[in-house]
Amino acid sequence: MSLTFPNRSRSYDEAGKRIRFVGHDGMFQISFSVAADAMTKIQPRTSADEAGYLATFDTESSVIRDVASKAYGRTRKSMYVLTSDDFG
């Protein structure tokens, strides 16, 4: 199976300063987080607050999901934290 993202929901984790979202590989749910610093690397004009990070996630979701898919393809874990290094 390949990784898909049928659920477009995402949420901001204030304590962890990251955006959370999920993907699915068949019946398995894979958890992803994107660190806030990665959001500002993807879109330098991102406001450093929840609304800004979520807006950037929404406009750049295809790039973020592509990076998530590549990370999953390399290691097949159940949880990933994507950082600014992943978007180099």
PDB file of N, CA and C in Angstrom:
ATOM      1  N   MET A   1       0.845  -1.190   0.000  1.00  0.00           N
ATOM      2  CA  MET A   1       0.000   0.000   0.000  1.00  0.00           C
ATOM      3  C   MET A   1       0.883   1.244   0.000  1.00  0.00           C
ATOM      4  N   SER A   2       0.289   2.328  -0.353  1.00  0.00           N
ATOM      5  CA  SER A   2       1.015   3.596  -0.307  1.00  0.00           C
ATOM      6  C   SER A   2       0.327   4.542   0.667  1.00  0.00           C
ATOM      7  N   LEU A   3       1.052   5.535   1.077  1.00  0.00           N
ATOM      8  CA  LEU A   3       0.542   6.505   2.034  1.00  0.00           C
ATOM      9  C   LEU A   3      -0.456   7.437   1.358  1.00  0.00           C
ATOM     10  N   THR A   4      -1.594   7.641   2.003  1.00  0.00           N
ATOM     11  CA  THR A   4      -2.609   8.568   1.518  1.00  0.00           C
ATOM     12  C   THR A   4      -3.000   9.511   2.646  1.00  0.00           C
ATOM     13  N   PHE A   5      -3.642  10.600   2.279  1.00  0.00           N
ATOM     14  CA  PHE A   5      -4.083  11.603   3.246  1.00  0.00           C
ATOM     15  C   PHE A   5      -5.567  11.913   3.011  1.00  0.00           C
ATOM     16  N   PRO A   6      -6.446  10.938   3.310  1.00  0.00           N
ATOM     17  CA  PRO A   6      -7.868  11.150   3.050  1.00  0.00           C
ATOM     18  C   PRO A   6      -8.523  12.148   4.002  1.00  0.00           C
ATOM     19  N   ASN A   7      -7.950  12.332   5.171  1.00  0.00           N
ATOM     20  CA  ASN A   7      -8.500  13.255   6.167  1.00  0.00           C
ATOM     21  C   ASN A   7      -7.678  14.543   6.125  1.00  0.00           C
ATOM     22  N   ARG A   8      -8.262  15.631   5.695  1.00  0.00           N
ATOM     23  CA  ARG A   8      -7.539  16.895   5.537  1.00  0.00           C
ATOM     24  C   ARG A   8      -7.441  17.715   6.824  1.00  0.00           C
ATOM     25  N   SER A   9      -7.901  17.147   7.945  1.00  0.00           N
ATOM     26  CA  SER A   9      -7.842  17.911   9.193  1.00  0.00           C
ATOM     27  C   SER A   9      -6.404  18.038   9.680  1.00  0.00           C
ATOM     28  N   ARG A  10      -6.167  19.074  10.443  1.00  0.00           N
ATOM     29  CA  ARG A  10      -4.879  19.355  11.057  1.00  0.00           C
ATOM     30  C   ARG A  10      -5.150  20.159  12.307  1.00  0.00           C
ATOM     31  N   SER A  11      -4.209  20.158  13.232  1.00  0.00           N
ATOM     32  CA  SER A  11      -4.383  20.925  14.459  1.00  0.00           C
ATOM     33  C   SER A  11      -3.040  21.470  14.906  1.00  0.00           C
ATOM     34  N   TYR A  12      -3.108  22.536  15.685  1.00  0.00           N
ATOM     35  CA  TYR A  12      -1.891  23.156  16.200  1.00  0.00           C
ATOM     36  C   TYR A  12      -1.659  22.697  17.623  1.00  0.00           C
ATOM     37  N   ASP A  13      -0.464  22.236  17.906  1.00  0.00           N
ATOM     38  CA  ASP A  13      -0.056  21.808  19.241  1.00  0.00           C
ATOM     39  C   ASP A  13       0.787  22.935  19.835  1.00  0.00           C
ATOM     40  N   GLU A  14       0.178  23.733  20.694  1.00  0.00           N
ATOM     41  CA  GLU A  14       0.856  24.891  21.292  1.00  0.00           C
ATOM     42  C   GLU A  14       2.073  24.468  22.107  1.00  0.00           C
ATOM     43  N   ALA A  15       1.934  23.432  22.904  1.00  0.00           N
ATOM     44  CA  ALA A  15       3.036  22.991  23.767  1.00  0.00           C
ATOM     45  C   ALA A  15       4.240  22.530  22.951  1.00  0.00           C
ATOM     46  N   GLY A  16       3.978  21.816  21.871  1.00  0.00           N
ATOM     47  CA  GLY A  16       5.059  21.311  21.029  1.00  0.00           C
ATOM     48  C   GLY A  16       5.464  22.238  19.908  1.00  0.00           C
ATOM     49  N   LYS A  17       4.710  23.339  19.726  1.00  0.00           N
ATOM     50  CA  LYS A  17       4.957  24.291  18.632  1.00  0.00           C
ATOM     51  C   LYS A  17       5.039  23.563  17.294  1.00  0.00           C
ATOM     52  N   ARG A  18       3.943  22.839  16.977  1.00  0.00           N
ATOM     53  CA  ARG A  18       3.908  22.099  15.720  1.00  0.00           C
ATOM     54  C   ARG A  18       2.481  21.883  15.247  1.00  0.00           C
ATOM     55  N   ILE A  19       2.351  21.584  13.987  1.00  0.00           N
ATOM     56  CA  ILE A  19       1.076  21.243  13.364  1.00  0.00           C
ATOM     57  C   ILE A  19       1.012  19.720  13.261  1.00  0.00           C
ATOM     58  N   ARG A  20      -0.109  19.158  13.692  1.00  0.00           N
ATOM     59  CA  ARG A  20      -0.298  17.702  13.627  1.00  0.00           C
ATOM     60  C   ARG A  20      -1.285  17.354  12.514  1.00  0.00           C
ATOM     61  N   PHE A  21      -0.998  16.231  11.837  1.00  0.00           N
ATOM     62  CA  PHE A  21      -1.906  15.698  10.828  1.00  0.00           C
ATOM     63  C   PHE A  21      -1.638  14.207  10.690  1.00  0.00           C
ATOM     64  N   VAL A  22      -2.503  13.505   9.999  1.00  0.00           N
ATOM     65  CA  VAL A  22      -2.342  12.054   9.870  1.00  0.00           C
ATOM     66  C   VAL A  22      -2.411  11.621   8.413  1.00  0.00           C
ATOM     67  N   GLY A  23      -1.765  10.504   8.168  1.00  0.00           N
ATOM     68  CA  GLY A  23      -1.837   9.819   6.888  1.00  0.00           C
ATOM     69  C   GLY A  23      -2.254   8.386   7.145  1.00  0.00           C
ATOM     70  N   HIS A  24      -2.561   7.669   6.077  1.00  0.00           N
ATOM     71  CA  HIS A  24      -2.974   6.269   6.219  1.00  0.00           C
ATOM     72  C   HIS A  24      -2.253   5.408   5.189  1.00  0.00           C
ATOM     73  N   ASP A  25      -1.799   4.269   5.666  1.00  0.00           N
ATOM     74  CA  ASP A  25      -1.235   3.238   4.806  1.00  0.00           C
ATOM     75  C   ASP A  25      -2.124   2.022   4.995  1.00  0.00           C
ATOM     76  N   GLY A  26      -3.092   1.886   4.117  1.00  0.00           N
ATOM     77  CA  GLY A  26      -4.093   0.847   4.307  1.00  0.00           C
ATOM     78  C   GLY A  26      -4.889   1.144   5.564  1.00  0.00           C
ATOM     79  N   MET A  27      -4.918   0.186   6.486  1.00  0.00           N
ATOM     80  CA  MET A  27      -5.662   0.389   7.723  1.00  0.00           C
ATOM     81  C   MET A  27      -4.825   1.020   8.834  1.00  0.00           C
ATOM     82  N   PHE A  28      -3.548   1.296   8.574  1.00  0.00           N
ATOM     83  CA  PHE A  28      -2.660   1.864   9.583  1.00  0.00           C
ATOM     84  C   PHE A  28      -2.650   3.389   9.517  1.00  0.00           C
ATOM     85  N   GLN A  29      -2.817   4.019  10.681  1.00  0.00           N
ATOM     86  CA  GLN A  29      -2.757   5.477  10.772  1.00  0.00           C
ATOM     87  C   GLN A  29      -1.331   5.893  11.129  1.00  0.00           C
ATOM     88  N   ILE A  30      -0.801   6.849  10.393  1.00  0.00           N
ATOM     89  CA  ILE A  30       0.548   7.348  10.609  1.00  0.00           C
ATOM     90  C   ILE A  30       0.437   8.796  11.074  1.00  0.00           C
ATOM     91  N   SER A  31       1.045   9.100  12.208  1.00  0.00           N
ATOM     92  CA  SER A  31       0.976  10.452  12.782  1.00  0.00           C
ATOM     93  C   SER A  31       2.159  11.289  12.314  1.00  0.00           C
ATOM     94  N   PHE A  32       1.862  12.512  11.910  1.00  0.00           N
ATOM     95  CA  PHE A  32       2.891  13.454  11.479  1.00  0.00           C
ATOM     96  C   PHE A  32       2.739  14.762  12.240  1.00  0.00           C
ATOM     97  N   SER A  33       3.868  15.420  12.464  1.00  0.00           N
ATOM     98  CA  SER A  33       3.898  16.774  13.008  1.00  0.00           C
ATOM     99  C   SER A  33       4.903  17.567  12.191  1.00  0.00           C
ATOM    100  N   VAL A  34       4.596  18.835  11.977  1.00  0.00           N
ATOM    101  CA  VAL A  34       5.519  19.741  11.306  1.00  0.00           C
ATOM    102  C   VAL A  34       5.892  20.824  12.310  1.00  0.00           C
ATOM    103  N   ALA A  35       7.175  20.935  12.606  1.00  0.00           N
ATOM    104  CA  ALA A  35       7.643  21.937  13.561  1.00  0.00           C
ATOM    105  C   ALA A  35       7.388  23.343  13.024  1.00  0.00           C
ATOM    106  N   ALA A  36       7.112  24.263  13.930  1.00  0.00           N
ATOM    107  CA  ALA A  36       6.808  25.644  13.549  1.00  0.00           C
ATOM    108  C   ALA A  36       7.938  26.270  12.744  1.00  0.00           C
ATOM    109  N   ASP A  37       9.198  25.953  13.070  1.00  0.00           N
ATOM    110  CA  ASP A  37      10.305  26.529  12.315  1.00  0.00           C
ATOM    111  C   ASP A  37      10.291  26.083  10.858  1.00  0.00           C
ATOM    112  N   ALA A  38       9.773  24.884  10.604  1.00  0.00           N
ATOM    113  CA  ALA A  38       9.654  24.411   9.222  1.00  0.00           C
ATOM    114  C   ALA A  38       8.621  25.230   8.462  1.00  0.00           C
ATOM    115  N   MET A  39       7.569  25.649   9.146  1.00  0.00           N
ATOM    116  CA  MET A  39       6.531  26.440   8.481  1.00  0.00           C
ATOM    117  C   MET A  39       7.104  27.775   7.989  1.00  0.00           C
ATOM    118  N   THR A  40       7.960  28.385   8.780  1.00  0.00           N
ATOM    119  CA  THR A  40       8.552  29.656   8.360  1.00  0.00           C
ATOM    120  C   THR A  40       9.619  29.454   7.287  1.00  0.00           C
ATOM    121  N   LYS A  41      10.194  28.260   7.212  1.00  0.00           N
ATOM    122  CA  LYS A  41      11.131  27.974   6.123  1.00  0.00           C
ATOM    123  C   LYS A  41      10.375  27.790   4.808  1.00  0.00           C
ATOM    124  N   ILE A  42       9.223  27.119   4.886  1.00  0.00           N
ATOM    125  CA  ILE A  42       8.406  26.891   3.699  1.00  0.00           C
ATOM    126  C   ILE A  42       7.860  28.220   3.169  1.00  0.00           C
ATOM    127  N   GLN A  43       7.369  29.038   4.072  1.00  0.00           N
ATOM    128  CA  GLN A  43       6.768  30.338   3.718  1.00  0.00           C
ATOM    129  C   GLN A  43       7.312  31.384   4.696  1.00  0.00           C
ATOM    130  N   PRO A  44       8.367  32.113   4.307  1.00  0.00           N
ATOM    131  CA  PRO A  44       9.024  33.052   5.227  1.00  0.00           C
ATOM    132  C   PRO A  44       8.103  34.111   5.846  1.00  0.00           C
ATOM    133  N   ARG A  45       7.012  34.455   5.198  1.00  0.00           N
ATOM    134  CA  ARG A  45       6.117  35.482   5.754  1.00  0.00           C
ATOM    135  C   ARG A  45       5.063  34.923   6.697  1.00  0.00           C
ATOM    136  N   THR A  46       5.250  33.689   7.147  1.00  0.00           N
ATOM    137  CA  THR A  46       4.298  33.073   8.066  1.00  0.00           C
ATOM    138  C   THR A  46       4.265  33.829   9.387  1.00  0.00           C
ATOM    139  N   SER A  47       3.071  34.168   9.848  1.00  0.00           N
ATOM    140  CA  SER A  47       2.917  34.780  11.169  1.00  0.00           C
ATOM    141  C   SER A  47       3.251  33.731  12.227  1.00  0.00           C
ATOM    142  N   ALA A  48       4.017  34.136  13.224  1.00  0.00           N
ATOM    143  CA  ALA A  48       4.467  33.206  14.265  1.00  0.00           C
ATOM    144  C   ALA A  48       3.390  33.007  15.325  1.00  0.00           C
ATOM    145  N   ASP A  49       2.240  32.509  14.893  1.00  0.00           N
ATOM    146  CA  ASP A  49       1.146  32.198  15.814  1.00  0.00           C
ATOM    147  C   ASP A  49       0.308  31.079  15.194  1.00  0.00           C
ATOM    148  N   GLU A  50      -0.648  30.581  15.956  1.00  0.00           N
ATOM    149  CA  GLU A  50      -1.458  29.460  15.497  1.00  0.00           C
ATOM    150  C   GLU A  50      -2.115  29.726  14.137  1.00  0.00           C
ATOM    151  N   ALA A  51      -2.741  30.875  13.985  1.00  0.00           N
ATOM    152  CA  ALA A  51      -3.428  31.190  12.725  1.00  0.00           C
ATOM    153  C   ALA A  51      -2.444  31.217  11.556  1.00  0.00           C
ATOM    154  N   GLY A  52      -1.274  31.782  11.775  1.00  0.00           N
ATOM    155  CA  GLY A  52      -0.267  31.855  10.715  1.00  0.00           C
ATOM    156  C   GLY A  52       0.245  30.485  10.314  1.00  0.00           C
ATOM    157  N   TYR A  53       0.549  29.650  11.302  1.00  0.00           N
ATOM    158  CA  TYR A  53       1.044  28.307  11.001  1.00  0.00           C
ATOM    159  C   TYR A  53      -0.010  27.472  10.281  1.00  0.00           C
ATOM    160  N   LEU A  54      -1.258  27.556  10.724  1.00  0.00           N
ATOM    161  CA  LEU A  54      -2.327  26.795  10.073  1.00  0.00           C
ATOM    162  C   LEU A  54      -2.577  27.288   8.649  1.00  0.00           C
ATOM    163  N   ALA A  55      -2.514  28.594   8.450  1.00  0.00           N
ATOM    164  CA  ALA A  55      -2.704  29.148   7.103  1.00  0.00           C
ATOM    165  C   ALA A  55      -1.599  28.667   6.163  1.00  0.00           C
ATOM    166  N   THR A  56      -0.369  28.671   6.639  1.00  0.00           N
ATOM    167  CA  THR A  56       0.733  28.184   5.810  1.00  0.00           C
ATOM    168  C   THR A  56       0.571  26.697   5.527  1.00  0.00           C
ATOM    169  N   PHE A  57       0.171  25.936   6.527  1.00  0.00           N
ATOM    170  CA  PHE A  57      -0.065  24.509   6.300  1.00  0.00           C
ATOM    171  C   PHE A  57      -1.104  24.320   5.201  1.00  0.00           C
ATOM    172  N   ASP A  58      -2.181  25.068   5.272  1.00  0.00           N
ATOM    173  CA  ASP A  58      -3.252  24.920   4.286  1.00  0.00           C
ATOM    174  C   ASP A  58      -2.792  25.282   2.875  1.00  0.00           C
ATOM    175  N   THR A  59      -2.029  26.352   2.725  1.00  0.00           N
ATOM    176  CA  THR A  59      -1.597  26.767   1.388  1.00  0.00           C
ATOM    177  C   THR A  59      -0.454  25.906   0.848  1.00  0.00           C
ATOM    178  N   GLU A  60       0.319  25.304   1.733  1.00  0.00           N
ATOM    179  CA  GLU A  60       1.472  24.502   1.311  1.00  0.00           C
ATOM    180  C   GLU A  60       1.282  23.015   1.603  1.00  0.00           C
ATOM    181  N   SER A  61       0.038  22.588   1.760  1.00  0.00           N
ATOM    182  CA  SER A  61      -0.230  21.201   2.166  1.00  0.00           C
ATOM    183  C   SER A  61       0.310  20.172   1.183  1.00  0.00           C
ATOM    184  N   SER A  62       0.304  20.460  -0.093  1.00  0.00           N
ATOM    185  CA  SER A  62       0.814  19.466  -1.045  1.00  0.00           C
ATOM    186  C   SER A  62       2.319  19.266  -0.869  1.00  0.00           C
ATOM    187  N   VAL A  63       3.060  20.336  -0.627  1.00  0.00           N
ATOM    188  CA  VAL A  63       4.501  20.231  -0.376  1.00  0.00           C
ATOM    189  C   VAL A  63       4.740  19.455   0.922  1.00  0.00           C
ATOM    190  N   ILE A  64       3.999  19.797   1.955  1.00  0.00           N
ATOM    191  CA  ILE A  64       4.165  19.145   3.259  1.00  0.00           C
ATOM    192  C   ILE A  64       3.840  17.656   3.153  1.00  0.00           C
ATOM    193  N   ARG A  65       2.780  17.312   2.467  1.00  0.00           N
ATOM    194  CA  ARG A  65       2.412  15.898   2.325  1.00  0.00           C
ATOM    195  C   ARG A  65       3.411  15.143   1.458  1.00  0.00           C
ATOM    196  N   ASP A  66       4.002  15.799   0.474  1.00  0.00           N
ATOM    197  CA  ASP A  66       5.053  15.160  -0.328  1.00  0.00           C
ATOM    198  C   ASP A  66       6.269  14.827   0.541  1.00  0.00           C
ATOM    199  N   VAL A  67       6.668  15.771   1.388  1.00  0.00           N
ATOM    200  CA  VAL A  67       7.800  15.537   2.290  1.00  0.00           C
ATOM    201  C   VAL A  67       7.458  14.421   3.281  1.00  0.00           C
ATOM    202  N   ALA A  68       6.240  14.425   3.790  1.00  0.00           N
ATOM    203  CA  ALA A  68       5.800  13.373   4.709  1.00  0.00           C
ATOM    204  C   ALA A  68       5.837  12.007   4.023  1.00  0.00           C
ATOM    205  N   SER A  69       5.380  11.941   2.790  1.00  0.00           N
ATOM    206  CA  SER A  69       5.384  10.679   2.048  1.00  0.00           C
ATOM    207  C   SER A  69       6.805  10.171   1.823  1.00  0.00           C
ATOM    208  N   LYS A  70       7.719  11.066   1.520  1.00  0.00           N
ATOM    209  CA  LYS A  70       9.121  10.662   1.318  1.00  0.00           C
ATOM    210  C   LYS A  70       9.731  10.150   2.620  1.00  0.00           C
ATOM    211  N   ALA A  71       9.447  10.830   3.727  1.00  0.00           N
ATOM    212  CA  ALA A  71       9.957  10.374   5.025  1.00  0.00           C
ATOM    213  C   ALA A  71       9.407   8.987   5.352  1.00  0.00           C
ATOM    214  N   TYR A  72       8.135   8.789   5.125  1.00  0.00           N
ATOM    215  CA  TYR A  72       7.511   7.500   5.389  1.00  0.00           C
ATOM    216  C   TYR A  72       8.078   6.414   4.474  1.00  0.00           C
ATOM    217  N   GLY A  73       8.318   6.745   3.240  1.00  0.00           N
ATOM    218  CA  GLY A  73       8.869   5.784   2.294  1.00  0.00           C
ATOM    219  C   GLY A  73      10.261   5.299   2.664  1.00  0.00           C
ATOM    220  N   ARG A  74      11.016   6.137   3.381  1.00  0.00           N
ATOM    221  CA  ARG A  74      12.358   5.751   3.794  1.00  0.00           C
ATOM    222  C   ARG A  74      12.367   4.812   4.992  1.00  0.00           C
ATOM    223  N   THR A  75      11.462   5.009   5.949  1.00  0.00           N
ATOM    224  CA  THR A  75      11.594   4.273   7.214  1.00  0.00           C
ATOM    225  C   THR A  75      10.338   3.554   7.695  1.00  0.00           C
ATOM    226  N   ARG A  76       9.168   3.871   7.202  1.00  0.00           N
ATOM    227  CA  ARG A  76       7.915   3.200   7.571  1.00  0.00           C
ATOM    228  C   ARG A  76       7.693   3.110   9.082  1.00  0.00           C
ATOM    229  N   LYS A  77       7.743   4.244   9.762  1.00  0.00           N
ATOM    230  CA  LYS A  77       7.428   4.303  11.193  1.00  0.00           C
ATOM    231  C   LYS A  77       5.973   4.722  11.356  1.00  0.00           C
ATOM    232  N   SER A  78       5.505   4.754  12.597  1.00  0.00           N
ATOM    233  CA  SER A  78       4.121   5.147  12.844  1.00  0.00           C
ATOM    234  C   SER A  78       3.988   6.609  13.258  1.00  0.00           C
ATOM    235  N   MET A  79       5.134   7.290  13.484  1.00  0.00           N
ATOM    236  CA  MET A  79       5.090   8.685  13.915  1.00  0.00           C
ATOM    237  C   MET A  79       6.323   9.429  13.413  1.00  0.00           C
ATOM    238  N   TYR A  80       6.102  10.646  12.927  1.00  0.00           N
ATOM    239  CA  TYR A  80       7.184  11.473  12.380  1.00  0.00           C
ATOM    240  C   TYR A  80       7.036  12.904  12.857  1.00  0.00           C
ATOM    241  N   VAL A  81       8.167  13.548  13.110  1.00  0.00           N
ATOM    242  CA  VAL A  81       8.215  14.991  13.347  1.00  0.00           C
ATOM    243  C   VAL A  81       9.077  15.568  12.233  1.00  0.00           C
ATOM    244  N   LEU A  82       8.457  16.338  11.356  1.00  0.00           N
ATOM    245  CA  LEU A  82       9.177  16.962  10.252  1.00  0.00           C
ATOM    246  C   LEU A  82       9.722  18.309  10.717  1.00  0.00           C
ATOM    247  N   THR A  83      10.999  18.550  10.477  1.00  0.00           N
ATOM    248  CA  THR A  83      11.635  19.794  10.897  1.00  0.00           C
ATOM    249  C   THR A  83      12.043  20.596   9.672  1.00  0.00           C
ATOM    250  N   SER A  84      12.607  21.757   9.890  1.00  0.00           N
ATOM    251  CA  SER A  84      13.039  22.597   8.777  1.00  0.00           C
ATOM    252  C   SER A  84      14.070  21.880   7.902  1.00  0.00           C
ATOM    253  N   ASP A  85      14.873  20.984   8.473  1.00  0.00           N
ATOM    254  CA  ASP A  85      15.861  20.219   7.691  1.00  0.00           C
ATOM    255  C   ASP A  85      15.203  19.335   6.632  1.00  0.00           C
ATOM    256  N   ASP A  86      13.990  18.885   6.898  1.00  0.00           N
ATOM    257  CA  ASP A  86      13.291  18.037   5.937  1.00  0.00           C
ATOM    258  C   ASP A  86      12.819  18.822   4.711  1.00  0.00           C
ATOM    259  N   PHE A  87      12.791  20.145   4.818  1.00  0.00           N
ATOM    260  CA  PHE A  87      12.290  20.988   3.728  1.00  0.00           C
ATOM    261  C   PHE A  87      13.438  21.747   3.055  1.00  0.00           C
ATOM    262  N   GLY A  88      14.625  21.163   3.069  1.00  0.00           N
ATOM    263  CA  GLY A  88      15.805  21.814   2.527  1.00  0.00           C
ATOM    264  C   GLY A  88      15.883  21.734   1.081  1.00  0.00           C
TER     265      GLY A  88
END
